[in-house]
Amino acid sequence: MSGTGVIPSGVDTKVCSLYAPYPNPARIQTRFSYKLDARSKITLNIYDASGRFIRNVFESTQTPGEYDVMWDGKDDAGNDVANGIYFFRMAAGNFAETRQIVWFR
């Protein structure tokens, strides 16, 4: 069935499990934890409440396993972000998920 877009029943297409950030709300740093079930290119970006890009926290190809990525509350220029609501988006293979985090100092 190649190229049909049909996935045979019983085939697991899950590539990643993303866990809740900790701590949340955060003051100094927060940890994003995830589990990969297949080798995948990982991208983790932070966006503000308006959807503006803030920082690429992590990008790499990783093998199956469990991982943690830390965010220190800084933007791509190394500046502290303002207090508020932020979103982190993780993409891995065919998996993509967005979660919310509250940041305050």
PDB file of N, CA and C in Angstrom:
ATOM      1  N   MET A   1       0.811  -1.189   0.000  1.00  0.00           N
ATOM      2  CA  MET A   1       0.000   0.000   0.000  1.00  0.00           C
ATOM      3  C   MET A   1       0.852   1.249   0.000  1.00  0.00           C
ATOM      4  N   SER A   2       2.007   1.154  -0.500  1.00  0.00           N
ATOM      5  CA  SER A   2       2.914   2.280  -0.501  1.00  0.00           C
ATOM      6  C   SER A   2       2.339   3.459  -1.274  1.00  0.00           C
ATOM      7  N   GLY A   3       2.432   4.650  -0.669  1.00  0.00           N
ATOM      8  CA  GLY A   3       1.994   5.866  -1.342  1.00  0.00           C
ATOM      9  C   GLY A   3       0.499   6.122  -1.250  1.00  0.00           C
ATOM     10  N   THR A   4      -0.261   5.249  -0.581  1.00  0.00           N
ATOM     11  CA  THR A   4      -1.709   5.442  -0.519  1.00  0.00           C
ATOM     12  C   THR A   4      -2.134   6.284   0.666  1.00  0.00           C
ATOM     13  N   GLY A   5      -1.260   6.461   1.651  1.00  0.00           N
ATOM     14  CA  GLY A   5      -1.620   7.188   2.858  1.00  0.00           C
ATOM     15  C   GLY A   5      -2.379   6.329   3.844  1.00  0.00           C
ATOM     16  N   VAL A   6      -2.557   5.054   3.531  1.00  0.00           N
ATOM     17  CA  VAL A   6      -3.259   4.137   4.423  1.00  0.00           C
ATOM     18  C   VAL A   6      -2.231   3.440   5.303  1.00  0.00           C
ATOM     19  N   ILE A   7      -2.512   3.439   6.617  1.00  0.00           N
ATOM     20  CA  ILE A   7      -1.628   2.769   7.557  1.00  0.00           C
ATOM     21  C   ILE A   7      -2.299   1.468   7.976  1.00  0.00           C
ATOM     22  N   PRO A   8      -1.661   0.335   7.710  1.00  0.00           N
ATOM     23  CA  PRO A   8      -2.266  -0.948   8.087  1.00  0.00           C
ATOM     24  C   PRO A   8      -2.544  -0.999   9.583  1.00  0.00           C
ATOM     25  N   SER A   9      -3.654  -1.615   9.978  1.00  0.00           N
ATOM     26  CA  SER A   9      -3.976  -1.721  11.391  1.00  0.00           C
ATOM     27  C   SER A   9      -2.897  -2.523  12.099  1.00  0.00           C
ATOM     28  N   GLY A  10      -2.657  -2.170  13.361  1.00  0.00           N
ATOM     29  CA  GLY A  10      -1.632  -2.864  14.135  1.00  0.00           C
ATOM     30  C   GLY A  10      -0.246  -2.288  13.959  1.00  0.00           C
ATOM     31  N   VAL A  11      -0.062  -1.299  13.078  1.00  0.00           N
ATOM     32  CA  VAL A  11       1.242  -0.683  12.889  1.00  0.00           C
ATOM     33  C   VAL A  11       1.334   0.527  13.803  1.00  0.00           C
ATOM     34  N   ASP A  12       2.329   0.554  14.676  1.00  0.00           N
ATOM     35  CA  ASP A  12       2.519   1.656  15.614  1.00  0.00           C
ATOM     36  C   ASP A  12       3.298   2.767  14.924  1.00  0.00           C
ATOM     37  N   THR A  13       2.664   3.923  14.761  1.00  0.00           N
ATOM     38  CA  THR A  13       3.326   5.050  14.097  1.00  0.00           C
ATOM     39  C   THR A  13       3.855   6.059  15.107  1.00  0.00           C
ATOM     40  N   LYS A  14       3.724   5.788  16.386  1.00  0.00           N
ATOM     41  CA  LYS A  14       4.171   6.711  17.416  1.00  0.00           C
ATOM     42  C   LYS A  14       5.691   6.787  17.416  1.00  0.00           C
ATOM     43  N   VAL A  15       6.195   8.008  17.413  1.00  0.00           N
ATOM     44  CA  VAL A  15       7.635   8.227  17.397  1.00  0.00           C
ATOM     45  C   VAL A  15       8.117   8.777  18.728  1.00  0.00           C
ATOM     46  N   CYS A  16       7.262   9.549  19.410  1.00  0.00           N
ATOM     47  CA  CYS A  16       7.714  10.273  20.586  1.00  0.00           C
ATOM     48  C   CYS A  16       6.597  10.399  21.611  1.00  0.00           C
ATOM     49  N   SER A  17       6.975  10.394  22.889  1.00  0.00           N
ATOM     50  CA  SER A  17       6.071  10.720  23.984  1.00  0.00           C
ATOM     51  C   SER A  17       6.646  11.939  24.685  1.00  0.00           C
ATOM     52  N   LEU A  18       5.873  13.002  24.780  1.00  0.00           N
ATOM     53  CA  LEU A  18       6.309  14.247  25.401  1.00  0.00           C
ATOM     54  C   LEU A  18       5.631  14.381  26.756  1.00  0.00           C
ATOM     55  N   TYR A  19       6.424  14.631  27.796  1.00  0.00           N
ATOM     56  CA  TYR A  19       5.897  14.739  29.148  1.00  0.00           C
ATOM     57  C   TYR A  19       5.713  16.207  29.529  1.00  0.00           C
ATOM     58  N   ALA A  20       4.968  16.460  30.587  1.00  0.00           N
ATOM     59  CA  ALA A  20       4.715  17.828  31.052  1.00  0.00           C
ATOM     60  C   ALA A  20       6.020  18.483  31.503  1.00  0.00           C
ATOM     61  N   PRO A  21       6.185  19.778  31.225  1.00  0.00           N
ATOM     62  CA  PRO A  21       7.398  20.471  31.663  1.00  0.00           C
ATOM     63  C   PRO A  21       7.432  20.556  33.194  1.00  0.00           C
ATOM     64  N   TYR A  22       8.642  20.569  33.742  1.00  0.00           N
ATOM     65  CA  TYR A  22       8.785  20.672  35.186  1.00  0.00           C
ATOM     66  C   TYR A  22       9.975  21.550  35.534  1.00  0.00           C
ATOM     67  N   PRO A  23       9.850  22.513  36.421  1.00  0.00           N
ATOM     68  CA  PRO A  23       8.590  22.937  37.023  1.00  0.00           C
ATOM     69  C   PRO A  23       7.780  23.815  36.073  1.00  0.00           C
ATOM     70  N   ASN A  24       6.532  23.934  36.360  1.00  0.00           N
ATOM     71  CA  ASN A  24       5.628  24.796  35.595  1.00  0.00           C
ATOM     72  C   ASN A  24       4.526  25.251  36.538  1.00  0.00           C
ATOM     73  N   PRO A  25       4.531  26.517  36.926  1.00  0.00           N
ATOM     74  CA  PRO A  25       5.320  27.646  36.425  1.00  0.00           C
ATOM     75  C   PRO A  25       6.808  27.528  36.789  1.00  0.00           C
ATOM     76  N   ALA A  26       7.616  28.256  36.025  1.00  0.00           N
ATOM     77  CA  ALA A  26       9.067  28.202  36.191  1.00  0.00           C
ATOM     78  C   ALA A  26       9.625  29.592  36.474  1.00  0.00           C
ATOM     79  N   ARG A  27      10.739  29.621  37.211  1.00  0.00           N
ATOM     80  CA  ARG A  27      11.413  30.887  37.529  1.00  0.00           C
ATOM     81  C   ARG A  27      12.841  30.938  37.000  1.00  0.00           C
ATOM     82  N   ILE A  28      13.577  29.842  37.154  1.00  0.00           N
ATOM     83  CA  ILE A  28      14.997  29.828  36.806  1.00  0.00           C
ATOM     84  C   ILE A  28      15.245  28.994  35.559  1.00  0.00           C
ATOM     85  N   GLN A  29      14.663  27.813  35.522  1.00  0.00           N
ATOM     86  CA  GLN A  29      14.755  26.938  34.360  1.00  0.00           C
ATOM     87  C   GLN A  29      13.631  25.922  34.426  1.00  0.00           C
ATOM     88  N   THR A  30      13.372  25.295  33.298  1.00  0.00           N
ATOM     89  CA  THR A  30      12.383  24.236  33.252  1.00  0.00           C
ATOM     90  C   THR A  30      12.920  23.108  32.388  1.00  0.00           C
ATOM     91  N   ARG A  31      12.422  21.914  32.655  1.00  0.00           N
ATOM     92  CA  ARG A  31      12.892  20.725  31.949  1.00  0.00           C
ATOM     93  C   ARG A  31      11.779  20.166  31.071  1.00  0.00           C
ATOM     94  N   PHE A  32      12.121  19.877  29.828  1.00  0.00           N
ATOM     95  CA  PHE A  32      11.230  19.196  28.896  1.00  0.00           C
ATOM     96  C   PHE A  32      11.756  17.777  28.757  1.00  0.00           C
ATOM     97  N   SER A  33      10.944  16.802  29.096  1.00  0.00           N
ATOM     98  CA  SER A  33      11.357  15.394  29.020  1.00  0.00           C
ATOM     99  C   SER A  33      10.543  14.685  27.951  1.00  0.00           C
ATOM    100  N   TYR A  34      11.179  13.758  27.265  1.00  0.00           N
ATOM    101  CA  TYR A  34      10.500  13.011  26.208  1.00  0.00           C
ATOM    102  C   TYR A  34      11.155  11.658  26.019  1.00  0.00           C
ATOM    103  N   LYS A  35      10.394  10.786  25.381  1.00  0.00           N
ATOM    104  CA  LYS A  35      10.880   9.445  25.064  1.00  0.00           C
ATOM    105  C   LYS A  35      10.735   9.238  23.568  1.00  0.00           C
ATOM    106  N   LEU A  36      11.812   8.803  22.932  1.00  0.00           N
ATOM    107  CA  LEU A  36      11.800   8.491  21.504  1.00  0.00           C
ATOM    108  C   LEU A  36      11.700   6.990  21.312  1.00  0.00           C
ATOM    109  N   ASP A  37      10.823   6.580  20.405  1.00  0.00           N
ATOM    110  CA  ASP A  37      10.674   5.166  20.075  1.00  0.00           C
ATOM    111  C   ASP A  37      11.409   4.799  18.786  1.00  0.00           C
ATOM    112  N   ALA A  38      11.888   5.806  18.079  1.00  0.00           N
ATOM    113  CA  ALA A  38      12.609   5.579  16.822  1.00  0.00           C
ATOM    114  C   ALA A  38      13.619   6.709  16.630  1.00  0.00           C
ATOM    115  N   ARG A  39      14.677   6.428  15.898  1.00  0.00           N
ATOM    116  CA  ARG A  39      15.663   7.468  15.584  1.00  0.00           C
ATOM    117  C   ARG A  39      14.947   8.598  14.857  1.00  0.00           C
ATOM    118  N   SER A  40      15.131   9.826  15.359  1.00  0.00           N
ATOM    119  CA  SER A  40      14.401  10.965  14.802  1.00  0.00           C
ATOM    120  C   SER A  40      15.200  12.246  14.927  1.00  0.00           C
ATOM    121  N   LYS A  41      14.924  13.169  14.020  1.00  0.00           N
ATOM    122  CA  LYS A  41      15.432  14.525  14.153  1.00  0.00           C
ATOM    123  C   LYS A  41      14.477  15.252  15.096  1.00  0.00           C
ATOM    124  N   ILE A  42      15.020  15.847  16.143  1.00  0.00           N
ATOM    125  CA  ILE A  42      14.249  16.533  17.170  1.00  0.00           C
ATOM    126  C   ILE A  42      14.433  18.033  17.013  1.00  0.00           C
ATOM    127  N   THR A  43      13.340  18.770  17.094  1.00  0.00           N
ATOM    128  CA  THR A  43      13.390  20.228  17.139  1.00  0.00           C
ATOM    129  C   THR A  43      12.487  20.686  18.268  1.00  0.00           C
ATOM    130  N   LEU A  44      13.024  21.533  19.151  1.00  0.00           N
ATOM    131  CA  LEU A  44      12.239  22.081  20.241  1.00  0.00           C
ATOM    132  C   LEU A  44      12.393  23.595  20.235  1.00  0.00           C
ATOM    133  N   ASN A  45      11.288  24.303  19.948  1.00  0.00           N
ATOM    134  CA  ASN A  45      11.291  25.760  19.877  1.00  0.00           C
ATOM    135  C   ASN A  45      10.353  26.353  20.904  1.00  0.00           C
ATOM    136  N   ILE A  46      10.667  27.578  21.332  1.00  0.00           N
ATOM    137  CA  ILE A  46       9.843  28.337  22.270  1.00  0.00           C
ATOM    138  C   ILE A  46       9.208  29.508  21.512  1.00  0.00           C
ATOM    139  N   TYR A  47       7.922  29.753  21.791  1.00  0.00           N
ATOM    140  CA  TYR A  47       7.169  30.866  21.198  1.00  0.00           C
ATOM    141  C   TYR A  47       6.473  31.631  22.312  1.00  0.00           C
ATOM    142  N   ASP A  48       6.259  32.938  22.111  1.00  0.00           N
ATOM    143  CA  ASP A  48       5.505  33.696  23.107  1.00  0.00           C
ATOM    144  C   ASP A  48       4.006  33.529  22.857  1.00  0.00           C
ATOM    145  N   ALA A  49       3.197  34.155  23.689  1.00  0.00           N
ATOM    146  CA  ALA A  49       1.745  34.001  23.600  1.00  0.00           C
ATOM    147  C   ALA A  49       1.173  34.543  22.301  1.00  0.00           C
ATOM    148  N   SER A  50       1.921  35.422  21.612  1.00  0.00           N
ATOM    149  CA  SER A  50       1.485  35.950  20.314  1.00  0.00           C
ATOM    150  C   SER A  50       1.912  35.066  19.152  1.00  0.00           C
ATOM    151  N   GLY A  51       2.659  34.012  19.449  1.00  0.00           N
ATOM    152  CA  GLY A  51       3.126  33.109  18.408  1.00  0.00           C
ATOM    153  C   GLY A  51       4.466  33.486  17.817  1.00  0.00           C
ATOM    154  N   ARG A  52       5.118  34.509  18.379  1.00  0.00           N
ATOM    155  CA  ARG A  52       6.430  34.921  17.874  1.00  0.00           C
ATOM    156  C   ARG A  52       7.509  33.955  18.356  1.00  0.00           C
ATOM    157  N   PHE A  53       8.405  33.612  17.448  1.00  0.00           N
ATOM    158  CA  PHE A  53       9.528  32.732  17.774  1.00  0.00           C
ATOM    159  C   PHE A  53      10.404  33.404  18.819  1.00  0.00           C
ATOM    160  N   ILE A  54      10.775  32.655  19.862  1.00  0.00           N
ATOM    161  CA  ILE A  54      11.642  33.164  20.923  1.00  0.00           C
ATOM    162  C   ILE A  54      13.018  32.498  20.887  1.00  0.00           C
ATOM    163  N   ARG A  55      13.028  31.168  20.805  1.00  0.00           N
ATOM    164  CA  ARG A  55      14.318  30.477  20.852  1.00  0.00           C
ATOM    165  C   ARG A  55      14.207  29.046  20.348  1.00  0.00           C
ATOM    166  N   ASN A  56      15.255  28.618  19.652  1.00  0.00           N
ATOM    167  CA  ASN A  56      15.429  27.206  19.342  1.00  0.00           C
ATOM    168  C   ASN A  56      16.241  26.635  20.493  1.00  0.00           C
ATOM    169  N   VAL A  57      15.598  25.833  21.328  1.00  0.00           N
ATOM    170  CA  VAL A  57      16.249  25.285  22.509  1.00  0.00           C
ATOM    171  C   VAL A  57      17.101  24.074  22.159  1.00  0.00           C
ATOM    172  N   PHE A  58      16.629  23.289  21.180  1.00  0.00           N
ATOM    173  CA  PHE A  58      17.348  22.056  20.869  1.00  0.00           C
ATOM    174  C   PHE A  58      17.011  21.599  19.463  1.00  0.00           C
ATOM    175  N   GLU A  59      18.040  21.102  18.767  1.00  0.00           N
ATOM    176  CA  GLU A  59      17.841  20.491  17.456  1.00  0.00           C
ATOM    177  C   GLU A  59      18.962  19.500  17.219  1.00  0.00           C
ATOM    178  N   SER A  60      18.576  18.228  17.012  1.00  0.00           N
ATOM    179  CA  SER A  60      19.562  17.178  16.813  1.00  0.00           C
ATOM    180  C   SER A  60      18.849  15.913  16.355  1.00  0.00           C
ATOM    181  N   THR A  61      19.603  14.969  15.846  1.00  0.00           N
ATOM    182  CA  THR A  61      19.067  13.645  15.557  1.00  0.00           C
ATOM    183  C   THR A  61      19.467  12.744  16.706  1.00  0.00           C
ATOM    184  N   GLN A  62      18.464  12.018  17.254  1.00  0.00           N
ATOM    185  CA  GLN A  62      18.721  11.171  18.415  1.00  0.00           C
ATOM    186  C   GLN A  62      18.200   9.763  18.188  1.00  0.00           C
ATOM    187  N   THR A  63      18.808   8.826  18.884  1.00  0.00           N
ATOM    188  CA  THR A  63      18.400   7.429  18.845  1.00  0.00           C
ATOM    189  C   THR A  63      17.301   7.191  19.885  1.00  0.00           C
ATOM    190  N   PRO A  64      16.612   6.050  19.831  1.00  0.00           N
ATOM    191  CA  PRO A  64      15.571   5.767  20.816  1.00  0.00           C
ATOM    192  C   PRO A  64      16.104   5.853  22.253  1.00  0.00           C
ATOM    193  N   GLY A  65      15.257   6.379  23.135  1.00  0.00           N
ATOM    194  CA  GLY A  65      15.634   6.518  24.537  1.00  0.00           C
ATOM    195  C   GLY A  65      14.864   7.646  25.186  1.00  0.00           C
ATOM    196  N   GLU A  66      15.188   7.924  26.450  1.00  0.00           N
ATOM    197  CA  GLU A  66      14.557   9.009  27.186  1.00  0.00           C
ATOM    198  C   GLU A  66      15.546  10.149  27.341  1.00  0.00           C
ATOM    199  N   TYR A  67      15.053  11.376  27.175  1.00  0.00           N
ATOM    200  CA  TYR A  67      15.897  12.561  27.163  1.00  0.00           C
ATOM    201  C   TYR A  67      15.265  13.706  27.940  1.00  0.00           C
ATOM    202  N   ASP A  68      16.109  14.610  28.422  1.00  0.00           N
ATOM    203  CA  ASP A  68      15.692  15.856  29.059  1.00  0.00           C
ATOM    204  C   ASP A  68      16.394  17.001  28.357  1.00  0.00           C
ATOM    205  N   VAL A  69      15.662  18.099  28.157  1.00  0.00           N
ATOM    206  CA  VAL A  69      16.228  19.328  27.611  1.00  0.00           C
ATOM    207  C   VAL A  69      15.827  20.442  28.562  1.00  0.00           C
ATOM    208  N   MET A  70      16.784  21.295  28.937  1.00  0.00           N
ATOM    209  CA  MET A  70      16.524  22.388  29.862  1.00  0.00           C
ATOM    210  C   MET A  70      16.400  23.706  29.092  1.00  0.00           C
ATOM    211  N   TRP A  71      15.498  24.568  29.574  1.00  0.00           N
ATOM    212  CA  TRP A  71      15.380  25.935  29.048  1.00  0.00           C
ATOM    213  C   TRP A  71      15.597  26.888  30.206  1.00  0.00           C
ATOM    214  N   ASP A  72      16.470  27.866  30.002  1.00  0.00           N
ATOM    215  CA  ASP A  72      16.848  28.807  31.047  1.00  0.00           C
ATOM    216  C   ASP A  72      16.065  30.116  31.018  1.00  0.00           C
ATOM    217  N   GLY A  73      15.012  30.189  30.226  1.00  0.00           N
ATOM    218  CA  GLY A  73      14.204  31.404  30.176  1.00  0.00           C
ATOM    219  C   GLY A  73      14.837  32.537  29.394  1.00  0.00           C
ATOM    220  N   LYS A  74      15.701  32.181  28.464  1.00  0.00           N
ATOM    221  CA  LYS A  74      16.356  33.198  27.629  1.00  0.00           C
ATOM    222  C   LYS A  74      15.914  33.046  26.181  1.00  0.00           C
ATOM    223  N   ASP A  75      15.971  34.166  25.447  1.00  0.00           N
ATOM    224  CA  ASP A  75      15.647  34.132  24.027  1.00  0.00           C
ATOM    225  C   ASP A  75      16.896  33.787  23.228  1.00  0.00           C
ATOM    226  N   ASP A  76      16.792  33.793  21.892  1.00  0.00           N
ATOM    227  CA  ASP A  76      17.928  33.432  21.031  1.00  0.00           C
ATOM    228  C   ASP A  76      19.115  34.379  21.181  1.00  0.00           C
ATOM    229  N   ALA A  77      18.854  35.632  21.623  1.00  0.00           N
ATOM    230  CA  ALA A  77      19.921  36.613  21.798  1.00  0.00           C
ATOM    231  C   ALA A  77      20.552  36.534  23.190  1.00  0.00           C
ATOM    232  N   GLY A  78      20.045  35.644  24.053  1.00  0.00           N
ATOM    233  CA  GLY A  78      20.588  35.496  25.391  1.00  0.00           C
ATOM    234  C   GLY A  78      19.945  36.400  26.424  1.00  0.00           C
ATOM    235  N   ASN A  79      18.865  37.089  26.057  1.00  0.00           N
ATOM    236  CA  ASN A  79      18.154  37.970  26.981  1.00  0.00           C
ATOM    237  C   ASN A  79      17.103  37.189  27.757  1.00  0.00           C
ATOM    238  N   ASP A  80      16.871  37.599  29.015  1.00  0.00           N
ATOM    239  CA  ASP A  80      15.805  37.004  29.807  1.00  0.00           C
ATOM    240  C   ASP A  80      14.457  37.320  29.168  1.00  0.00           C
ATOM    241  N   VAL A  81      13.572  36.331  29.112  1.00  0.00           N
ATOM    242  CA  VAL A  81      12.229  36.583  28.588  1.00  0.00           C
ATOM    243  C   VAL A  81      11.401  37.265  29.665  1.00  0.00           C
ATOM    244  N   ALA A  82      10.368  37.957  29.250  1.00  0.00           N
ATOM    245  CA  ALA A  82       9.459  38.624  30.180  1.00  0.00           C
ATOM    246  C   ALA A  82       8.571  37.594  30.864  1.00  0.00           C
ATOM    247  N   ASN A  83       8.023  37.963  31.992  1.00  0.00           N
ATOM    248  CA  ASN A  83       7.043  37.107  32.651  1.00  0.00           C
ATOM    249  C   ASN A  83       5.873  36.891  31.708  1.00  0.00           C
ATOM    250  N   GLY A  84       5.311  35.694  31.706  1.00  0.00           N
ATOM    251  CA  GLY A  84       4.153  35.450  30.861  1.00  0.00           C
ATOM    252  C   GLY A  84       4.001  34.000  30.467  1.00  0.00           C
ATOM    253  N   ILE A  85       3.112  33.797  29.528  1.00  0.00           N
ATOM    254  CA  ILE A  85       2.819  32.460  29.007  1.00  0.00           C
ATOM    255  C   ILE A  85       3.636  32.239  27.744  1.00  0.00           C
ATOM    256  N   TYR A  86       4.261  31.071  27.680  1.00  0.00           N
ATOM    257  CA  TYR A  86       5.052  30.678  26.520  1.00  0.00           C
ATOM    258  C   TYR A  86       4.601  29.293  26.073  1.00  0.00           C
ATOM    259  N   PHE A  87       4.941  28.973  24.841  1.00  0.00           N
ATOM    260  CA  PHE A  87       4.603  27.668  24.289  1.00  0.00           C
ATOM    261  C   PHE A  87       5.867  27.025  23.768  1.00  0.00           C
ATOM    262  N   PHE A  88       6.034  25.751  24.036  1.00  0.00           N
ATOM    263  CA  PHE A  88       7.143  25.029  23.427  1.00  0.00           C
ATOM    264  C   PHE A  88       6.548  24.009  22.466  1.00  0.00           C
ATOM    265  N   ARG A  89       7.172  23.938  21.314  1.00  0.00           N
ATOM    266  CA  ARG A  89       6.726  23.022  20.270  1.00  0.00           C
ATOM    267  C   ARG A  89       7.851  22.051  19.977  1.00  0.00           C
ATOM    268  N   MET A  90       7.503  20.790  20.070  1.00  0.00           N
ATOM    269  CA  MET A  90       8.475  19.744  19.778  1.00  0.00           C
ATOM    270  C   MET A  90       8.033  18.992  18.545  1.00  0.00           C
ATOM    271  N   ALA A  91       8.962  18.766  17.649  1.00  0.00           N
ATOM    272  CA  ALA A  91       8.716  17.964  16.450  1.00  0.00           C
ATOM    273  C   ALA A  91       9.754  16.860  16.405  1.00  0.00           C
ATOM    274  N   ALA A  92       9.281  15.649  16.090  1.00  0.00           N
ATOM    275  CA  ALA A  92      10.158  14.482  15.975  1.00  0.00           C
ATOM    276  C   ALA A  92       9.526  13.535  14.974  1.00  0.00           C
ATOM    277  N   GLY A  93      10.124  13.411  13.809  1.00  0.00           N
ATOM    278  CA  GLY A  93       9.549  12.538  12.781  1.00  0.00           C
ATOM    279  C   GLY A  93       8.153  13.006  12.427  1.00  0.00           C
ATOM    280  N   ASN A  94       7.156  12.114  12.525  1.00  0.00           N
ATOM    281  CA  ASN A  94       5.786  12.499  12.205  1.00  0.00           C
ATOM    282  C   ASN A  94       5.031  13.023  13.434  1.00  0.00           C
ATOM    283  N   PHE A  95       5.732  13.213  14.549  1.00  0.00           N
ATOM    284  CA  PHE A  95       5.146  13.695  15.792  1.00  0.00           C
ATOM    285  C   PHE A  95       5.386  15.190  15.930  1.00  0.00           C
ATOM    286  N   ALA A  96       4.369  15.933  16.346  1.00  0.00           N
ATOM    287  CA  ALA A  96       4.516  17.346  16.700  1.00  0.00           C
ATOM    288  C   ALA A  96       3.500  17.657  17.784  1.00  0.00           C
ATOM    289  N   GLU A  97       3.952  18.348  18.819  1.00  0.00           N
ATOM    290  CA  GLU A  97       3.057  18.709  19.907  1.00  0.00           C
ATOM    291  C   GLU A  97       3.489  20.035  20.499  1.00  0.00           C
ATOM    292  N   THR A  98       2.511  20.814  20.945  1.00  0.00           N
ATOM    293  CA  THR A  98       2.764  22.102  21.573  1.00  0.00           C
ATOM    294  C   THR A  98       2.202  22.069  22.985  1.00  0.00           C
ATOM    295  N   ARG A  99       2.983  22.574  23.925  1.00  0.00           N
ATOM    296  CA  ARG A  99       2.557  22.645  25.328  1.00  0.00           C
ATOM    297  C   ARG A  99       2.799  24.051  25.856  1.00  0.00           C
ATOM    298  N   GLN A 100       2.096  24.380  26.914  1.00  0.00           N
ATOM    299  CA  GLN A 100       2.178  25.724  27.515  1.00  0.00           C
ATOM    300  C   GLN A 100       3.036  25.702  28.774  1.00  0.00           C
ATOM    301  N   ILE A 101       3.755  26.806  28.992  1.00  0.00           N
ATOM    302  CA  ILE A 101       4.514  26.978  30.229  1.00  0.00           C
ATOM    303  C   ILE A 101       4.365  28.420  30.687  1.00  0.00           C
ATOM    304  N   VAL A 102       4.275  28.617  31.993  1.00  0.00           N
ATOM    305  CA  VAL A 102       4.195  29.952  32.576  1.00  0.00           C
ATOM    306  C   VAL A 102       5.572  30.290  33.124  1.00  0.00           C
ATOM    307  N   TRP A 103       6.084  31.455  32.746  1.00  0.00           N
ATOM    308  CA  TRP A 103       7.399  31.893  33.181  1.00  0.00           C
ATOM    309  C   TRP A 103       7.259  33.163  34.010  1.00  0.00           C
ATOM    310  N   PHE A 104       7.898  33.166  35.186  1.00  0.00           N
ATOM    311  CA  PHE A 104       7.947  34.399  35.982  1.00  0.00           C
ATOM    312  C   PHE A 104       9.200  34.394  36.825  1.00  0.00           C
ATOM    313  N   ARG A 105       9.737  35.578  37.048  1.00  0.00           N
ATOM    314  CA  ARG A 105      10.983  35.736  37.835  1.00  0.00           C
ATOM    315  C   ARG A 105      10.664  36.294  39.192  1.00  0.00           C
TER     316      ARG A 105
END
